[in-house]
Protein backbone atom coordinates (compact mmCIF):
# COMPACT_ATOMS: atom_id res chain seq x y z
CA MET A 1 105.05 11.98 3.76
CA ARG A 2 108.67 12.10 4.90
CA ILE A 3 108.58 8.37 5.62
CA LEU A 4 107.04 7.60 2.23
CA ARG A 5 109.78 9.60 0.50
CA ALA A 6 112.36 7.72 2.57
CA TYR A 7 111.00 4.33 1.49
CA LEU A 8 110.90 5.52 -2.12
CA SER A 9 114.55 6.56 -1.83
CA LEU A 10 115.38 2.99 -0.76
CA THR A 11 114.38 1.93 -4.28
CA LYS A 12 116.89 4.42 -5.83
CA PRO A 13 114.15 5.94 -8.03
CA THR A 14 116.59 7.45 -10.55
CA ILE A 15 117.94 3.98 -11.27
CA GLY A 16 114.36 2.68 -11.23
CA LEU A 17 113.38 5.22 -13.89
CA LEU A 18 116.24 4.10 -16.13
CA VAL A 19 115.22 0.47 -15.68
CA ILE A 20 111.58 1.30 -16.48
CA ILE A 21 112.52 3.25 -19.63
CA THR A 22 114.82 0.50 -20.91
CA GLY A 23 112.24 -2.18 -20.13
CA SER A 24 109.50 -0.13 -21.81
CA ALA A 25 111.62 0.16 -24.95
CA ALA A 26 111.82 -3.62 -25.17
CA LEU A 27 108.04 -3.98 -24.76
CA VAL A 28 107.27 -1.31 -27.35
CA MET A 29 109.76 -2.74 -29.84
CA GLU A 30 108.45 -6.30 -29.33
CA GLY A 31 104.84 -5.14 -29.64
CA SER A 32 102.81 -7.91 -27.97
CA PHE A 33 101.42 -5.57 -25.30
CA SER A 34 100.51 -2.76 -27.71
CA GLY A 35 96.81 -3.56 -27.29
CA ARG A 36 97.10 -4.75 -23.69
CA PRO A 37 97.79 -1.66 -21.55
CA LEU A 38 97.11 -3.49 -18.28
CA ASP A 39 99.78 -6.09 -19.02
CA PHE A 40 102.16 -3.35 -20.15
CA LEU A 41 101.73 -1.47 -16.85
CA LEU A 42 101.80 -4.62 -14.69
CA CYS A 43 105.04 -5.72 -16.33
CA LEU A 44 106.66 -2.34 -15.65
CA LEU A 45 105.33 -2.32 -12.07
CA ALA A 46 106.84 -5.74 -11.44
CA LEU A 47 110.09 -4.59 -13.04
CA PHE A 48 110.20 -1.50 -10.82
CA MET A 49 109.61 -3.67 -7.76
CA THR A 50 112.41 -5.99 -8.83
CA ALA A 51 114.84 -3.11 -9.28
CA GLY A 52 113.60 -1.45 -6.09
CA SER A 53 114.07 -4.63 -4.09
CA ALA A 54 117.67 -5.01 -5.29
CA SER A 55 118.39 -1.35 -4.47
CA ALA A 56 116.83 -1.65 -1.02
CA PHE A 57 118.87 -4.77 -0.25
CA ASN A 58 121.96 -2.89 -1.45
CA GLN A 59 121.29 0.00 0.93
CA TYR A 60 120.50 -2.37 3.80
CA PHE A 61 123.80 -4.22 3.40
CA GLU A 62 125.81 -1.03 2.85
CA ARG A 63 124.21 1.09 5.59
CA GLU A 64 127.42 1.29 7.64
CA ILE A 65 129.49 2.07 4.54
CA ASP A 66 127.00 4.73 3.46
CA ALA A 67 127.29 6.37 6.88
CA GLN A 68 131.00 6.99 6.22
CA MET A 69 130.63 8.53 2.76
CA THR A 70 129.84 12.22 2.34
CA ARG A 71 127.68 11.50 -0.74
CA THR A 72 125.33 9.16 1.12
CA ALA A 73 125.58 9.80 4.87
CA LYS A 74 122.87 12.47 5.03
CA LYS A 75 120.90 11.57 1.90
CA ARG A 76 120.09 7.90 2.40
CA PRO A 77 117.41 6.91 4.92
CA LEU A 78 119.32 4.18 6.75
CA PRO A 79 122.49 6.11 7.68
CA ASN A 80 120.51 9.25 8.52
CA GLY A 81 118.13 7.29 10.75
CA THR A 82 114.85 7.95 8.92
CA ILE A 83 114.27 4.21 8.53
CA LYS A 84 115.51 1.46 10.83
CA PRO A 85 117.35 -1.56 9.36
CA MET A 86 114.68 -4.20 10.03
CA PRO A 87 111.80 -2.34 8.32
CA ALA A 88 114.14 -1.66 5.38
CA LEU A 89 114.93 -5.37 5.11
CA ILE A 90 111.24 -6.30 5.25
CA PHE A 91 110.52 -3.69 2.58
CA ALA A 92 113.24 -5.12 0.31
CA ILE A 93 111.93 -8.68 0.72
CA THR A 94 108.31 -7.63 0.15
CA LEU A 95 109.08 -5.74 -3.04
CA GLY A 96 111.03 -8.68 -4.40
CA VAL A 97 108.38 -11.26 -3.54
CA VAL A 98 105.52 -9.20 -4.98
CA GLY A 99 107.45 -8.29 -8.14
CA CYS A 100 108.53 -11.87 -8.86
CA THR A 101 105.01 -13.16 -8.10
CA ILE A 102 103.47 -10.77 -10.63
CA PHE A 103 105.90 -12.00 -13.27
CA TRP A 104 105.17 -15.64 -12.43
CA VAL A 105 101.36 -15.44 -12.15
CA ARG A 106 100.50 -12.84 -14.81
CA PHE A 107 103.24 -13.64 -17.32
CA ASN A 108 105.50 -16.70 -17.06
CA PRO A 109 108.01 -18.47 -14.78
CA PHE A 110 110.90 -17.57 -17.13
CA SER A 111 110.54 -13.82 -16.50
CA SER A 112 110.01 -14.42 -12.77
CA LEU A 113 113.19 -16.47 -12.44
CA LEU A 114 115.15 -13.83 -14.38
CA ALA A 115 113.83 -11.17 -12.00
CA LEU A 116 114.71 -13.26 -8.94
CA ALA A 117 118.20 -13.95 -10.29
CA THR A 118 118.71 -10.23 -10.90
CA ILE A 119 117.80 -9.39 -7.31
CA GLY A 120 120.13 -12.07 -5.98
CA PHE A 121 122.99 -11.10 -8.28
CA TYR A 122 122.90 -7.40 -7.41
CA SER A 123 121.99 -7.72 -3.73
CA PHE A 124 124.36 -10.48 -2.71
CA PHE A 125 126.99 -11.22 -5.34
CA TYR A 126 127.67 -7.60 -6.37
CA THR A 127 127.04 -5.80 -3.08
CA LEU A 128 128.57 -8.25 -0.63
CA TRP A 129 131.28 -9.95 -2.69
CA LEU A 130 132.30 -8.07 -5.84
CA LYS A 131 132.19 -4.48 -4.67
CA PRO A 132 134.65 -4.80 -1.75
CA ARG A 133 137.07 -7.09 -3.63
CA THR A 134 137.78 -5.95 -7.19
CA TYR A 135 137.90 -2.78 -9.27
CA LEU A 136 135.98 -4.73 -11.92
CA ASN A 137 132.97 -4.68 -9.59
CA ILE A 138 130.94 -2.25 -11.66
CA VAL A 139 131.84 -3.99 -14.94
CA ILE A 140 130.51 -7.36 -13.76
CA GLY A 141 127.83 -6.00 -11.46
CA GLY A 142 126.47 -3.76 -14.20
CA ALA A 143 124.77 -6.81 -15.69
CA ALA A 144 122.04 -6.50 -13.05
CA GLY A 145 121.11 -2.98 -14.10
CA ALA A 146 120.99 -4.06 -17.74
CA MET A 147 118.35 -6.75 -17.24
CA GLY A 148 115.25 -4.60 -17.80
CA PRO A 149 114.89 -5.32 -21.55
CA ILE A 150 115.68 -9.01 -21.04
CA ILE A 151 113.07 -9.47 -18.30
CA CYS A 152 110.36 -7.51 -20.12
CA TRP A 153 110.94 -9.32 -23.41
CA ALA A 154 110.76 -12.64 -21.57
CA ALA A 155 107.52 -11.56 -19.87
CA ALA A 156 105.96 -10.69 -23.23
CA THR A 157 107.17 -13.68 -25.25
CA ASN A 158 108.40 -16.37 -22.84
CA SER A 159 111.50 -16.45 -25.04
CA MET A 160 114.59 -14.43 -26.00
CA ALA A 161 115.79 -12.66 -29.16
CA ALA A 162 118.69 -10.61 -30.52
CA ALA A 163 117.06 -7.21 -29.92
CA PRO A 164 116.78 -7.43 -26.10
CA ILE A 165 120.26 -8.94 -25.91
CA LEU A 166 121.65 -5.92 -27.77
CA MET A 167 119.70 -3.59 -25.47
CA PHE A 168 121.21 -5.44 -22.52
CA LEU A 169 124.70 -4.97 -24.00
CA ILE A 170 124.14 -1.26 -24.55
CA ILE A 171 123.33 -0.76 -20.85
CA PHE A 172 126.05 -3.20 -19.77
CA PHE A 173 128.82 -1.33 -21.63
CA TRP A 174 127.34 2.08 -20.75
CA THR A 175 127.43 1.40 -17.01
CA PRO A 176 131.25 1.53 -16.44
CA PRO A 177 131.87 4.94 -18.08
CA HIS A 178 128.74 6.30 -16.38
CA PHE A 179 129.80 5.08 -12.94
CA TRP A 180 133.53 5.77 -13.34
CA ALA A 181 132.78 9.39 -14.24
CA LEU A 182 131.16 9.62 -10.81
CA ALA A 183 133.88 7.62 -9.05
CA PHE A 184 136.49 9.93 -10.59
CA CYS A 185 134.94 12.77 -8.58
CA LEU A 186 134.47 10.76 -5.39
CA LYS A 187 137.84 9.05 -5.00
CA GLU A 188 138.24 10.23 -1.42
CA ASP A 189 134.92 8.72 -0.36
CA TYR A 190 135.91 5.34 -1.77
CA LYS A 191 139.35 5.57 -0.19
CA THR A 192 137.68 6.23 3.16
CA VAL A 193 135.62 3.04 3.00
CA GLN A 194 138.42 1.07 1.28
CA TYR A 195 136.41 0.14 -1.79
CA PRO A 196 138.72 -0.77 -4.70
CA MET A 197 137.10 1.46 -7.31
CA LEU A 198 139.05 1.92 -10.53
CA PRO A 199 140.23 5.52 -9.86
CA VAL A 200 141.51 4.47 -6.43
CA VAL A 201 143.27 1.30 -7.60
CA LYS A 202 144.51 2.25 -11.07
CA GLY A 203 144.59 6.05 -10.96
CA ASP A 204 143.04 8.80 -13.06
CA ARG A 205 144.85 8.10 -16.33
CA GLU A 206 143.79 4.46 -16.52
CA THR A 207 140.25 5.36 -15.44
CA LEU A 208 139.92 7.87 -18.26
CA ARG A 209 141.36 5.39 -20.75
CA GLN A 210 138.82 2.78 -19.70
CA ILE A 211 135.98 5.33 -19.87
CA PHE A 212 136.97 6.13 -23.45
CA LEU A 213 137.20 2.46 -24.49
CA TYR A 214 133.89 1.47 -22.92
CA THR A 215 132.17 4.49 -24.45
CA LEU A 216 133.46 3.49 -27.90
CA VAL A 217 132.04 -0.01 -27.44
CA THR A 218 128.74 1.39 -26.14
CA VAL A 219 128.27 3.62 -29.17
CA ALA A 220 129.23 0.76 -31.50
CA VAL A 221 126.65 -1.56 -29.95
CA THR A 222 123.91 1.10 -30.21
CA LEU A 223 124.52 1.15 -33.97
CA MET A 224 123.88 -2.60 -34.22
CA LEU A 225 120.17 -2.31 -33.31
CA PRO A 226 119.14 -1.22 -36.85
CA PHE A 227 120.15 -4.71 -38.00
CA VAL A 228 117.53 -6.29 -35.72
CA GLY A 229 114.60 -3.97 -36.32
CA ALA A 230 115.36 -0.39 -35.25
CA GLY A 231 114.64 2.24 -37.87
CA TRP A 232 115.97 5.47 -39.35
CA PHE A 233 114.88 7.73 -36.47
CA TYR A 234 116.72 5.66 -33.89
CA THR A 235 119.80 5.33 -36.10
CA ILE A 236 120.15 9.10 -36.56
CA LEU A 237 119.50 9.73 -32.86
CA ALA A 238 121.99 7.08 -31.70
CA THR A 239 124.65 8.51 -33.99
CA LEU A 240 124.17 12.07 -32.72
CA LEU A 241 123.95 11.07 -29.06
CA GLY A 242 126.96 8.80 -29.38
CA GLY A 243 129.01 11.52 -31.06
CA LEU A 244 128.28 13.93 -28.20
CA PHE A 245 129.06 11.22 -25.65
CA LEU A 246 132.49 10.64 -27.21
CA HIS A 247 133.07 14.38 -27.45
CA LEU A 248 132.49 14.82 -23.72
CA VAL A 249 134.71 11.85 -22.90
CA VAL A 250 137.54 13.35 -24.97
CA LYS A 251 137.09 16.66 -23.11
CA VAL A 252 137.51 14.87 -19.77
CA VAL A 253 140.58 13.03 -21.06
CA ARG A 254 142.12 16.33 -22.17
CA VAL A 255 141.04 18.26 -19.06
CA PRO A 256 140.87 15.65 -16.25
CA GLU A 257 139.03 17.79 -13.72
CA PRO A 258 136.02 16.93 -11.53
CA ARG A 259 133.97 19.67 -13.20
CA GLN A 260 134.29 17.99 -16.61
CA SER A 261 133.69 14.56 -15.12
CA TRP A 262 130.47 15.74 -13.43
CA LYS A 263 129.26 17.00 -16.82
CA LEU A 264 130.03 13.62 -18.35
CA PHE A 265 128.22 11.82 -15.54
CA GLY A 266 125.13 14.00 -15.97
CA TYR A 267 125.11 13.59 -19.73
CA SER A 268 125.51 9.82 -19.48
CA ILE A 269 122.13 9.63 -17.70
CA VAL A 270 120.46 11.84 -20.31
CA TYR A 271 122.12 9.79 -23.05
CA LEU A 272 120.61 6.49 -21.97
CA LEU A 273 117.17 7.96 -21.29
CA VAL A 274 116.94 9.77 -24.62
CA LEU A 275 118.39 6.81 -26.54
CA PHE A 276 115.74 4.38 -25.26
CA VAL A 277 112.90 6.90 -25.51
CA GLY A 278 114.04 7.42 -29.09
CA LEU A 279 113.92 3.67 -29.64
CA MET A 280 110.29 3.66 -28.49
CA ILE A 281 109.41 6.54 -30.81
CA ASP A 282 111.20 4.76 -33.63
CA ALA A 283 109.22 1.57 -32.99
CA VAL A 284 105.90 3.31 -33.74
CA LEU A 285 107.15 5.07 -36.87
CA PRO A 286 106.55 3.47 -40.30
CA ALA A 287 109.14 1.99 -42.66
CA GLY A 288 112.09 0.84 -40.55
CA LEU A 289 115.64 1.04 -41.82
CA LEU A 290 117.07 -2.05 -43.52
CA GLY A 291 113.62 -3.57 -43.82
CA GLY A 292 113.02 -3.73 -40.05
CA LYS A 293 109.99 -2.40 -38.27
CA GLY A 294 110.47 1.18 -37.21
C-alpha cells in the first residue's frame, strides 16, 4: 500500500484533480459525451495519465533538486527513497504511452498529439530548460497545466472552439498568481537550489505586483465565458469568486507576510475547482445567459 501511494504521489494527484475537473468542464459544456459515459470516463482517464506522466517525468528529472528542498525532500518518493529512479522513469513512460494511445485509438489523433505535446512541453522544455533559466518559467510553463479543456474538447469533437480556448486562458493566467503565492513563502528553498523564481530574482514587491496584475486578468477572462455559452449561474459564481480572489490578493499586498500568502495559495486552489465545477453545473441548467446554453 505504501508503494502504491508513492507511485500515486509521482502523478501529483492534486494537480491531476485540477486537470480532471477542468477537462470535465469542457466535456460537459461541449455535450457530445452526455449520453456516452464510457467515453467520458475514458477521456478523463487518458487525461489523468497524460498529466500524471508529465508530473512523474518532472519528479524524475528534479529528484536531486527535490532532495535539497525542505518542502519536497521527505514528501516525494524519489528523494526519500521509496521509489528508485529507473522504476519511476518506466512508470512515467508507461502512463504517457497508455494515455496517448487511448486518445488516438478511442478518440482521434488530434487529441493524442496534443496530449503528447503537453507531456513533452512540461517534462522537457519547462522542467529541464525553462525552470532553471528564467523567472518567467511558470508563466510560460503554465500552458501545460492549462491543456485539459483543450485536449478534452479535441477528443470529443476533433476540432477547436472559443470556449475551450477561454478555459485554457483562465488556467494559464491563474497559474502565476497561484504559484507565486507559494514561491513567496518558499524563497529560501528556491535560493538553495538556485532556481530563478520571481520572488528570488525580483523581490517581494514586484512579485506581489505581478500577482495582482495576473489575478485581474484571470478574473476578466472568466467573465468572457458567458459570451461563448456559459449561463447566469456561472456568471454570478465567477463574479463572487473573482471578487474574493482580488480581495485576498489586496490583503497580501497590504500585509506581505507568509501567513497571508499561504491563505491566498490555498484559496487559489479552491477558486479554480469551484469555478469549473460551477461551469459544469451551469452547463446542465436551462436558459443560458445571452442566449447561450446554460
